[in-house]
């Protein structure tokens, strides 16, 4: 189980990403079409004023059950430990243990 503060930090980052996503996208589009160096510097200054945690690259996928960030399976939203336990308990439809 991950620490509560790490889980809450990720929730805060997700809120900030949703809040500033549109503004960040608009500034980046303007940057692509900027002609002069001074205008680019002004747009970069606007981009830097946005919170750091509003950048999508700072988001970390976490297991919705335990909050574990490593070994995350995107299809299920679970970490590898929980995925294994749930698949052995037949709680995940369509998942079978492989054998050959």
C-alpha atoms as a PDB file:
ATOM      1  CA  UNK A   1       0.000   0.000   0.000  1.00  0.00           C
ATOM      2  CA  UNK A   2       1.407   3.352  -1.017  1.00  0.00           C
ATOM      3  CA  UNK A   3       1.622   6.219   1.430  1.00  0.00           C
ATOM      4  CA  UNK A   4      -1.500   8.363   1.580  1.00  0.00           C
ATOM      5  CA  UNK A   5       0.396  11.546   0.794  1.00  0.00           C
ATOM      6  CA  UNK A   6       1.693  10.051  -2.477  1.00  0.00           C
ATOM      7  CA  UNK A   7      -1.819   9.080  -3.532  1.00  0.00           C
ATOM      8  CA  UNK A   8      -3.157  12.532  -2.622  1.00  0.00           C
ATOM      9  CA  UNK A   9      -0.288  14.193  -4.488  1.00  0.00           C
ATOM     10  CA  UNK A  10      -1.229  12.288  -7.637  1.00  0.00           C
ATOM     11  CA  UNK A  11      -4.878  13.299  -7.237  1.00  0.00           C
ATOM     12  CA  UNK A  12      -3.798  16.933  -6.915  1.00  0.00           C
ATOM     13  CA  UNK A  13      -1.656  16.627 -10.049  1.00  0.00           C
ATOM     14  CA  UNK A  14      -4.564  15.139 -11.960  1.00  0.00           C
ATOM     15  CA  UNK A  15      -6.816  18.030 -10.919  1.00  0.00           C
ATOM     16  CA  UNK A  16      -4.177  20.556 -12.020  1.00  0.00           C
ATOM     17  CA  UNK A  17      -3.671  18.783 -15.358  1.00  0.00           C
ATOM     18  CA  UNK A  18      -7.405  18.975 -16.033  1.00  0.00           C
ATOM     19  CA  UNK A  19      -7.614  22.598 -14.874  1.00  0.00           C
ATOM     20  CA  UNK A  20      -4.688  24.009 -16.882  1.00  0.00           C
ATOM     21  CA  UNK A  21      -4.675  21.565 -19.811  1.00  0.00           C
ATOM     22  CA  UNK A  22      -6.586  23.815 -22.187  1.00  0.00           C
ATOM     23  CA  UNK A  23      -4.517  26.895 -21.327  1.00  0.00           C
ATOM     24  CA  UNK A  24      -1.263  24.963 -21.695  1.00  0.00           C
ATOM     25  CA  UNK A  25      -2.370  23.619 -25.083  1.00  0.00           C
ATOM     26  CA  UNK A  26      -3.278  27.103 -26.342  1.00  0.00           C
ATOM     27  CA  UNK A  27       0.111  28.523 -25.353  1.00  0.00           C
ATOM     28  CA  UNK A  28       1.912  25.641 -27.071  1.00  0.00           C
ATOM     29  CA  UNK A  29      -0.100  26.185 -30.257  1.00  0.00           C
ATOM     30  CA  UNK A  30       0.842  29.873 -30.205  1.00  0.00           C
ATOM     31  CA  UNK A  31       4.481  28.872 -29.733  1.00  0.00           C
ATOM     32  CA  UNK A  32       4.399  26.824 -32.935  1.00  0.00           C
ATOM     33  CA  UNK A  33       3.203  29.813 -34.920  1.00  0.00           C
ATOM     34  CA  UNK A  34       5.388  32.437 -33.209  1.00  0.00           C
ATOM     35  CA  UNK A  35       7.460  34.455 -35.644  1.00  0.00           C
ATOM     36  CA  UNK A  36       9.912  36.461 -33.566  1.00  0.00           C
ATOM     37  CA  UNK A  37      12.260  35.439 -30.810  1.00  0.00           C
ATOM     38  CA  UNK A  38      10.778  38.015 -28.408  1.00  0.00           C
ATOM     39  CA  UNK A  39       7.274  36.635 -28.853  1.00  0.00           C
ATOM     40  CA  UNK A  40       8.561  33.134 -28.161  1.00  0.00           C
ATOM     41  CA  UNK A  41      10.240  34.347 -24.980  1.00  0.00           C
ATOM     42  CA  UNK A  42       7.003  35.979 -23.844  1.00  0.00           C
ATOM     43  CA  UNK A  43       5.049  32.783 -24.486  1.00  0.00           C
ATOM     44  CA  UNK A  44       7.637  30.692 -22.648  1.00  0.00           C
ATOM     45  CA  UNK A  45       7.324  33.076 -19.698  1.00  0.00           C
ATOM     46  CA  UNK A  46       3.550  32.492 -19.705  1.00  0.00           C
ATOM     47  CA  UNK A  47       4.136  28.760 -19.813  1.00  0.00           C
ATOM     48  CA  UNK A  48       6.553  28.941 -16.882  1.00  0.00           C
ATOM     49  CA  UNK A  49       3.981  30.785 -14.766  1.00  0.00           C
ATOM     50  CA  UNK A  50       1.692  27.767 -14.878  1.00  0.00           C
ATOM     51  CA  UNK A  51       2.153  25.301 -11.989  1.00  0.00           C
ATOM     52  CA  UNK A  52       4.780  22.632 -12.554  1.00  0.00           C
ATOM     53  CA  UNK A  53       2.380  19.905 -11.488  1.00  0.00           C
ATOM     54  CA  UNK A  54      -0.023  20.865 -14.268  1.00  0.00           C
ATOM     55  CA  UNK A  55       2.310  19.318 -16.851  1.00  0.00           C
ATOM     56  CA  UNK A  56       1.017  15.938 -18.071  1.00  0.00           C
ATOM     57  CA  UNK A  57       4.492  14.401 -17.955  1.00  0.00           C
ATOM     58  CA  UNK A  58       4.464  14.723 -14.142  1.00  0.00           C
ATOM     59  CA  UNK A  59       1.480  12.402 -13.862  1.00  0.00           C
ATOM     60  CA  UNK A  60       2.271   8.883 -12.629  1.00  0.00           C
ATOM     61  CA  UNK A  61      -0.079   5.957 -13.182  1.00  0.00           C
ATOM     62  CA  UNK A  62      -1.068   4.270  -9.934  1.00  0.00           C
ATOM     63  CA  UNK A  63      -3.004   1.157  -8.999  1.00  0.00           C
ATOM     64  CA  UNK A  64      -6.521   2.176  -8.010  1.00  0.00           C
ATOM     65  CA  UNK A  65      -6.612  -0.430  -5.251  1.00  0.00           C
ATOM     66  CA  UNK A  66      -3.221  -0.115  -3.561  1.00  0.00           C
ATOM     67  CA  UNK A  67      -1.757   3.079  -5.002  1.00  0.00           C
ATOM     68  CA  UNK A  68       1.397   1.268  -6.155  1.00  0.00           C
ATOM     69  CA  UNK A  69       3.120   3.061  -9.035  1.00  0.00           C
ATOM     70  CA  UNK A  70       5.459   0.329 -10.246  1.00  0.00           C
ATOM     71  CA  UNK A  71       4.290  -2.657 -12.277  1.00  0.00           C
ATOM     72  CA  UNK A  72       1.146  -0.880 -13.461  1.00  0.00           C
ATOM     73  CA  UNK A  73      -1.064  -2.589 -16.061  1.00  0.00           C
ATOM     74  CA  UNK A  74      -2.852   0.071 -18.081  1.00  0.00           C
ATOM     75  CA  UNK A  75      -5.599  -2.255 -19.317  1.00  0.00           C
ATOM     76  CA  UNK A  76      -6.812  -2.972 -15.803  1.00  0.00           C
ATOM     77  CA  UNK A  77      -5.557   0.013 -13.804  1.00  0.00           C
ATOM     78  CA  UNK A  78      -3.970  -2.406 -11.348  1.00  0.00           C
ATOM     79  CA  UNK A  79      -0.458  -3.235 -10.231  1.00  0.00           C
ATOM     80  CA  UNK A  80       1.021  -6.628 -11.008  1.00  0.00           C
ATOM     81  CA  UNK A  81       0.523  -7.936  -7.456  1.00  0.00           C
ATOM     82  CA  UNK A  82      -3.168  -7.117  -7.333  1.00  0.00           C
ATOM     83  CA  UNK A  83      -3.690  -8.285 -10.916  1.00  0.00           C
ATOM     84  CA  UNK A  84      -2.228 -11.689 -10.051  1.00  0.00           C
ATOM     85  CA  UNK A  85      -4.296 -12.053  -6.893  1.00  0.00           C
ATOM     86  CA  UNK A  86      -7.521 -11.008  -8.607  1.00  0.00           C
ATOM     87  CA  UNK A  87      -6.932 -13.253 -11.612  1.00  0.00           C
ATOM     88  CA  UNK A  88      -6.285 -16.268  -9.351  1.00  0.00           C
ATOM     89  CA  UNK A  89      -9.511 -15.477  -7.504  1.00  0.00           C
ATOM     90  CA  UNK A  90     -11.363 -15.313 -10.877  1.00  0.00           C
ATOM     91  CA  UNK A  91     -12.370 -11.694 -10.267  1.00  0.00           C
ATOM     92  CA  UNK A  92     -11.175 -10.482 -13.673  1.00  0.00           C
ATOM     93  CA  UNK A  93     -13.309 -11.648 -16.598  1.00  0.00           C
ATOM     94  CA  UNK A  94     -11.440 -13.140 -19.522  1.00  0.00           C
ATOM     95  CA  UNK A  95      -8.140 -13.526 -17.681  1.00  0.00           C
ATOM     96  CA  UNK A  96      -6.795 -17.058 -17.361  1.00  0.00           C
ATOM     97  CA  UNK A  97      -3.540 -18.404 -16.054  1.00  0.00           C
ATOM     98  CA  UNK A  98      -1.349 -19.456 -18.939  1.00  0.00           C
ATOM     99  CA  UNK A  99       0.172 -22.923 -19.051  1.00  0.00           C
ATOM    100  CA  UNK A 100       2.115 -24.675 -21.792  1.00  0.00           C
END
